[in-house]
Amino acid sequence: MASFSVRPMADPRVTLIQEIAQDLLDQGLVVEAGWEMYRVMALPHSAPTSELDRVKEAFFAGAQHVLGPVMSALEPGVEPSETDIRRMHALAQELDRFSDLLWLKYSRPMGSA
């Protein structure tokens, strides 16, 4: 299961992100939670709806691109195979690296305006 931990930082958006993500995750909307977290952190509040729509489509397309091949590549059976586990671990590492880069890019250091 995906984990949406928000890294601690001195940024008022963190509380908003946590509330949005938890509410959506409680509804089973995992990708929507990720989208909303990304939108709050990375996109300007004044972004036009057309831009938000395009970015959201790209966000969800990326999620579908990852999930589709992963699901089709899983080996038959109820229990995950070693190959399944290795693939999921590699996917998690790749996405963790990307997430770390996003946090570095969009988080504000303590004391910034």
N, C-alpha and C. Protein backbone atom coordinates (compact mmCIF):
# COMPACT_ATOMS: atom_id res chain seq x y z
N MET A 1 0.85 -1.18 0.00
CA MET A 1 0.00 0.00 0.00
C MET A 1 0.89 1.23 0.00
N ALA A 2 0.51 2.22 -0.76
CA ALA A 2 1.27 3.46 -0.83
C ALA A 2 1.18 4.22 0.48
N SER A 3 2.25 4.88 0.80
CA SER A 3 2.29 5.67 2.02
C SER A 3 2.46 7.13 1.64
N PHE A 4 1.65 7.98 2.19
CA PHE A 4 1.73 9.40 1.90
C PHE A 4 2.19 10.14 3.13
N SER A 5 3.44 9.96 3.49
CA SER A 5 3.96 10.70 4.63
C SER A 5 4.43 12.05 4.13
N VAL A 6 4.09 13.06 4.87
CA VAL A 6 4.50 14.41 4.53
C VAL A 6 5.70 14.74 5.40
N ARG A 7 6.78 15.10 4.76
CA ARG A 7 8.00 15.40 5.48
C ARG A 7 7.80 16.64 6.34
N PRO A 8 8.31 16.62 7.57
CA PRO A 8 8.14 17.79 8.43
C PRO A 8 8.92 18.97 7.89
N MET A 9 8.28 20.11 7.86
CA MET A 9 8.94 21.34 7.45
C MET A 9 8.14 22.51 7.99
N ALA A 10 8.78 23.64 8.06
CA ALA A 10 8.10 24.84 8.56
C ALA A 10 7.33 25.47 7.40
N ASP A 11 6.23 24.89 7.06
CA ASP A 11 5.45 25.36 5.92
C ASP A 11 3.98 25.17 6.27
N PRO A 12 3.18 26.22 6.22
CA PRO A 12 1.77 26.09 6.59
C PRO A 12 0.98 25.16 5.68
N ARG A 13 1.52 24.86 4.51
CA ARG A 13 0.82 23.96 3.59
C ARG A 13 0.80 22.53 4.10
N VAL A 14 1.73 22.19 5.00
CA VAL A 14 1.83 20.81 5.47
C VAL A 14 0.53 20.37 6.13
N THR A 15 -0.03 21.18 7.00
CA THR A 15 -1.28 20.82 7.67
C THR A 15 -2.40 20.65 6.65
N LEU A 16 -2.49 21.55 5.71
CA LEU A 16 -3.51 21.44 4.67
C LEU A 16 -3.33 20.16 3.87
N ILE A 17 -2.11 19.86 3.48
CA ILE A 17 -1.83 18.65 2.71
C ILE A 17 -2.21 17.41 3.51
N GLN A 18 -1.86 17.38 4.78
CA GLN A 18 -2.17 16.22 5.61
C GLN A 18 -3.68 16.01 5.71
N GLU A 19 -4.42 17.09 5.90
CA GLU A 19 -5.88 16.98 6.00
C GLU A 19 -6.50 16.50 4.69
N ILE A 20 -6.06 17.08 3.58
CA ILE A 20 -6.58 16.70 2.27
C ILE A 20 -6.27 15.23 1.99
N ALA A 21 -5.02 14.86 2.19
CA ALA A 21 -4.59 13.50 1.89
C ALA A 21 -5.33 12.48 2.74
N GLN A 22 -5.46 12.74 4.02
CA GLN A 22 -6.12 11.76 4.89
C GLN A 22 -7.58 11.58 4.51
N ASP A 23 -8.26 12.67 4.21
CA ASP A 23 -9.66 12.58 3.82
C ASP A 23 -9.82 11.76 2.55
N LEU A 24 -8.99 12.03 1.54
CA LEU A 24 -9.08 11.30 0.29
C LEU A 24 -8.66 9.84 0.44
N LEU A 25 -7.61 9.59 1.23
CA LEU A 25 -7.19 8.21 1.46
C LEU A 25 -8.28 7.42 2.17
N ASP A 26 -8.98 8.07 3.11
CA ASP A 26 -10.09 7.41 3.80
C ASP A 26 -11.20 7.01 2.83
N GLN A 27 -11.31 7.74 1.72
CA GLN A 27 -12.31 7.43 0.70
C GLN A 27 -11.78 6.44 -0.34
N GLY A 28 -10.53 6.01 -0.18
CA GLY A 28 -9.93 5.08 -1.13
C GLY A 28 -9.41 5.75 -2.38
N LEU A 29 -9.21 7.05 -2.35
CA LEU A 29 -8.77 7.81 -3.52
C LEU A 29 -7.27 8.11 -3.40
N VAL A 30 -6.46 7.10 -3.63
CA VAL A 30 -5.02 7.19 -3.42
C VAL A 30 -4.36 8.15 -4.41
N VAL A 31 -4.66 8.02 -5.68
CA VAL A 31 -4.04 8.89 -6.69
C VAL A 31 -4.55 10.32 -6.55
N GLU A 32 -5.83 10.47 -6.27
CA GLU A 32 -6.39 11.80 -6.04
C GLU A 32 -5.71 12.48 -4.86
N ALA A 33 -5.41 11.72 -3.81
CA ALA A 33 -4.70 12.28 -2.65
C ALA A 33 -3.32 12.76 -3.07
N GLY A 34 -2.63 11.96 -3.84
CA GLY A 34 -1.31 12.37 -4.33
C GLY A 34 -1.38 13.60 -5.20
N TRP A 35 -2.38 13.65 -6.06
CA TRP A 35 -2.58 14.82 -6.93
C TRP A 35 -2.80 16.08 -6.10
N GLU A 36 -3.68 16.00 -5.13
CA GLU A 36 -3.98 17.19 -4.33
C GLU A 36 -2.75 17.66 -3.54
N MET A 37 -1.99 16.70 -3.04
CA MET A 37 -0.76 17.06 -2.33
C MET A 37 0.20 17.78 -3.28
N TYR A 38 0.37 17.23 -4.47
CA TYR A 38 1.24 17.85 -5.47
C TYR A 38 0.73 19.23 -5.86
N ARG A 39 -0.59 19.34 -6.08
CA ARG A 39 -1.18 20.62 -6.50
C ARG A 39 -0.90 21.71 -5.47
N VAL A 40 -1.11 21.39 -4.21
CA VAL A 40 -0.90 22.38 -3.14
C VAL A 40 0.57 22.78 -3.05
N MET A 41 1.46 21.80 -3.18
CA MET A 41 2.89 22.09 -3.02
C MET A 41 3.50 22.77 -4.23
N ALA A 42 3.11 22.37 -5.43
CA ALA A 42 3.88 22.74 -6.61
C ALA A 42 3.23 23.75 -7.55
N LEU A 43 1.93 23.89 -7.48
CA LEU A 43 1.26 24.76 -8.45
C LEU A 43 0.78 26.05 -7.79
N PRO A 44 0.87 27.14 -8.53
CA PRO A 44 0.40 28.40 -7.95
C PRO A 44 -1.10 28.39 -7.70
N HIS A 45 -1.49 29.01 -6.61
CA HIS A 45 -2.91 29.09 -6.26
C HIS A 45 -3.72 29.74 -7.38
N SER A 46 -3.08 30.62 -8.11
CA SER A 46 -3.76 31.37 -9.17
C SER A 46 -3.71 30.66 -10.52
N ALA A 47 -3.22 29.43 -10.57
CA ALA A 47 -3.13 28.73 -11.86
C ALA A 47 -4.51 28.59 -12.48
N PRO A 48 -4.62 28.84 -13.79
CA PRO A 48 -5.92 28.71 -14.44
C PRO A 48 -6.39 27.26 -14.45
N THR A 49 -7.70 27.11 -14.48
CA THR A 49 -8.30 25.77 -14.47
C THR A 49 -7.78 24.92 -15.61
N SER A 50 -7.59 25.51 -16.78
CA SER A 50 -7.10 24.73 -17.93
C SER A 50 -5.72 24.15 -17.64
N GLU A 51 -4.86 24.91 -16.97
CA GLU A 51 -3.54 24.39 -16.63
C GLU A 51 -3.65 23.28 -15.59
N LEU A 52 -4.48 23.50 -14.57
CA LEU A 52 -4.68 22.47 -13.54
C LEU A 52 -5.21 21.18 -14.16
N ASP A 53 -6.14 21.32 -15.09
CA ASP A 53 -6.71 20.14 -15.75
C ASP A 53 -5.64 19.37 -16.51
N ARG A 54 -4.78 20.08 -17.24
CA ARG A 54 -3.72 19.41 -18.01
C ARG A 54 -2.72 18.73 -17.09
N VAL A 55 -2.34 19.39 -16.02
CA VAL A 55 -1.38 18.80 -15.09
C VAL A 55 -2.00 17.59 -14.38
N LYS A 56 -3.27 17.70 -14.01
CA LYS A 56 -3.94 16.57 -13.36
C LYS A 56 -4.02 15.38 -14.32
N GLU A 57 -4.33 15.63 -15.57
CA GLU A 57 -4.36 14.55 -16.55
C GLU A 57 -3.00 13.87 -16.65
N ALA A 58 -1.94 14.66 -16.67
CA ALA A 58 -0.59 14.10 -16.74
C ALA A 58 -0.27 13.30 -15.48
N PHE A 59 -0.69 13.81 -14.33
CA PHE A 59 -0.46 13.12 -13.06
C PHE A 59 -1.14 11.76 -13.06
N PHE A 60 -2.42 11.73 -13.43
CA PHE A 60 -3.16 10.48 -13.46
C PHE A 60 -2.65 9.55 -14.56
N ALA A 61 -2.24 10.11 -15.70
CA ALA A 61 -1.68 9.29 -16.77
C ALA A 61 -0.40 8.60 -16.29
N GLY A 62 0.39 9.31 -15.52
CA GLY A 62 1.60 8.72 -14.96
C GLY A 62 1.26 7.58 -14.01
N ALA A 63 0.26 7.79 -13.17
CA ALA A 63 -0.15 6.74 -12.24
C ALA A 63 -0.66 5.52 -13.01
N GLN A 64 -1.44 5.75 -14.05
CA GLN A 64 -1.95 4.64 -14.85
C GLN A 64 -0.82 3.93 -15.58
N HIS A 65 0.15 4.71 -16.05
CA HIS A 65 1.30 4.13 -16.74
C HIS A 65 2.07 3.18 -15.82
N VAL A 66 2.15 3.53 -14.56
CA VAL A 66 2.85 2.69 -13.60
C VAL A 66 2.00 1.48 -13.21
N LEU A 67 0.75 1.72 -12.88
CA LEU A 67 -0.09 0.63 -12.38
C LEU A 67 -0.38 -0.42 -13.44
N GLY A 68 -0.69 0.00 -14.65
CA GLY A 68 -1.04 -0.95 -15.71
C GLY A 68 0.04 -2.00 -15.93
N PRO A 69 1.26 -1.60 -16.23
CA PRO A 69 2.32 -2.59 -16.43
C PRO A 69 2.63 -3.41 -15.18
N VAL A 70 2.57 -2.80 -14.02
CA VAL A 70 2.83 -3.55 -12.79
C VAL A 70 1.79 -4.65 -12.63
N MET A 71 0.53 -4.30 -12.78
CA MET A 71 -0.52 -5.29 -12.60
C MET A 71 -0.44 -6.41 -13.64
N SER A 72 -0.10 -6.05 -14.88
CA SER A 72 -0.02 -7.09 -15.91
C SER A 72 1.24 -7.94 -15.78
N ALA A 73 2.25 -7.42 -15.09
CA ALA A 73 3.51 -8.16 -14.94
C ALA A 73 3.51 -9.07 -13.71
N LEU A 74 2.53 -8.91 -12.82
CA LEU A 74 2.50 -9.76 -11.64
C LEU A 74 2.32 -11.22 -12.05
N GLU A 75 3.03 -12.08 -11.37
CA GLU A 75 2.93 -13.50 -11.68
C GLU A 75 1.63 -14.06 -11.13
N PRO A 76 1.07 -15.08 -11.78
CA PRO A 76 -0.19 -15.66 -11.32
C PRO A 76 -0.07 -16.21 -9.90
N GLY A 77 -1.18 -16.19 -9.19
CA GLY A 77 -1.21 -16.73 -7.84
C GLY A 77 -1.62 -15.67 -6.84
N VAL A 78 -1.95 -16.13 -5.66
CA VAL A 78 -2.42 -15.24 -4.62
C VAL A 78 -1.25 -14.56 -3.91
N GLU A 79 -0.21 -15.33 -3.62
CA GLU A 79 0.95 -14.79 -2.91
C GLU A 79 1.91 -14.14 -3.89
N PRO A 80 2.50 -13.01 -3.52
CA PRO A 80 3.48 -12.38 -4.42
C PRO A 80 4.75 -13.23 -4.52
N SER A 81 5.27 -13.29 -5.74
CA SER A 81 6.51 -14.04 -5.96
C SER A 81 7.70 -13.14 -5.61
N GLU A 82 8.88 -13.72 -5.58
CA GLU A 82 10.10 -12.93 -5.35
C GLU A 82 10.26 -11.88 -6.45
N THR A 83 9.91 -12.24 -7.67
CA THR A 83 9.99 -11.29 -8.79
C THR A 83 9.02 -10.14 -8.57
N ASP A 84 7.80 -10.45 -8.14
CA ASP A 84 6.81 -9.40 -7.86
C ASP A 84 7.35 -8.45 -6.79
N ILE A 85 7.89 -9.00 -5.74
CA ILE A 85 8.42 -8.19 -4.64
C ILE A 85 9.58 -7.32 -5.12
N ARG A 86 10.45 -7.90 -5.91
CA ARG A 86 11.60 -7.15 -6.44
C ARG A 86 11.13 -5.99 -7.32
N ARG A 87 10.15 -6.25 -8.17
CA ARG A 87 9.63 -5.19 -9.05
C ARG A 87 8.98 -4.07 -8.24
N MET A 88 8.19 -4.44 -7.25
CA MET A 88 7.53 -3.42 -6.43
C MET A 88 8.55 -2.62 -5.63
N HIS A 89 9.58 -3.28 -5.14
CA HIS A 89 10.63 -2.59 -4.39
C HIS A 89 11.35 -1.59 -5.31
N ALA A 90 11.66 -2.01 -6.54
CA ALA A 90 12.32 -1.12 -7.49
C ALA A 90 11.43 0.08 -7.82
N LEU A 91 10.14 -0.17 -7.99
CA LEU A 91 9.19 0.91 -8.25
C LEU A 91 9.14 1.88 -7.07
N ALA A 92 9.07 1.35 -5.87
CA ALA A 92 9.03 2.20 -4.68
C ALA A 92 10.29 3.05 -4.58
N GLN A 93 11.44 2.47 -4.85
CA GLN A 93 12.69 3.23 -4.79
C GLN A 93 12.72 4.35 -5.83
N GLU A 94 12.28 4.03 -7.04
CA GLU A 94 12.25 5.03 -8.10
C GLU A 94 11.34 6.20 -7.73
N LEU A 95 10.16 5.89 -7.23
CA LEU A 95 9.21 6.95 -6.87
C LEU A 95 9.66 7.70 -5.63
N ASP A 96 10.33 7.04 -4.69
CA ASP A 96 10.88 7.74 -3.52
C ASP A 96 11.94 8.76 -3.95
N ARG A 97 12.79 8.38 -4.90
CA ARG A 97 13.80 9.34 -5.40
C ARG A 97 13.12 10.55 -6.03
N PHE A 98 12.10 10.31 -6.82
CA PHE A 98 11.36 11.41 -7.45
C PHE A 98 10.70 12.29 -6.40
N SER A 99 10.09 11.66 -5.40
CA SER A 99 9.44 12.41 -4.32
C SER A 99 10.44 13.29 -3.58
N ASP A 100 11.60 12.74 -3.30
CA ASP A 100 12.63 13.53 -2.62
C ASP A 100 13.02 14.75 -3.44
N LEU A 101 13.14 14.59 -4.76
CA LEU A 101 13.47 15.72 -5.62
C LEU A 101 12.37 16.78 -5.60
N LEU A 102 11.10 16.33 -5.61
CA LEU A 102 10.00 17.29 -5.54
C LEU A 102 10.03 18.08 -4.24
N TRP A 103 10.29 17.38 -3.11
CA TRP A 103 10.32 18.08 -1.83
C TRP A 103 11.45 19.09 -1.79
N LEU A 104 12.59 18.75 -2.36
CA LEU A 104 13.69 19.70 -2.41
C LEU A 104 13.33 20.90 -3.28
N LYS A 105 12.64 20.65 -4.36
CA LYS A 105 12.28 21.73 -5.28
C LYS A 105 11.20 22.65 -4.72
N TYR A 106 10.18 22.08 -4.08
CA TYR A 106 9.01 22.88 -3.72
C TYR A 106 8.87 23.22 -2.24
N SER A 107 9.63 22.62 -1.37
CA SER A 107 9.51 22.97 0.03
C SER A 107 10.32 24.25 0.29
N ARG A 108 9.87 24.98 1.25
CA ARG A 108 10.55 26.22 1.59
C ARG A 108 11.40 25.98 2.84
N PRO A 109 12.63 26.46 2.82
CA PRO A 109 13.45 26.29 4.03
C PRO A 109 12.88 27.11 5.18
N MET A 110 13.17 26.67 6.39
CA MET A 110 12.70 27.39 7.58
C MET A 110 13.19 28.83 7.52
N GLY A 111 12.31 29.74 7.84
CA GLY A 111 12.66 31.15 7.87
C GLY A 111 12.47 31.85 6.54
N SER A 112 12.03 31.13 5.51
CA SER A 112 11.82 31.79 4.22
C SER A 112 10.43 32.43 4.18
N ALA A 113 10.29 33.36 3.31
CA ALA A 113 8.99 34.07 3.19
C ALA A 113 8.09 33.38 2.23
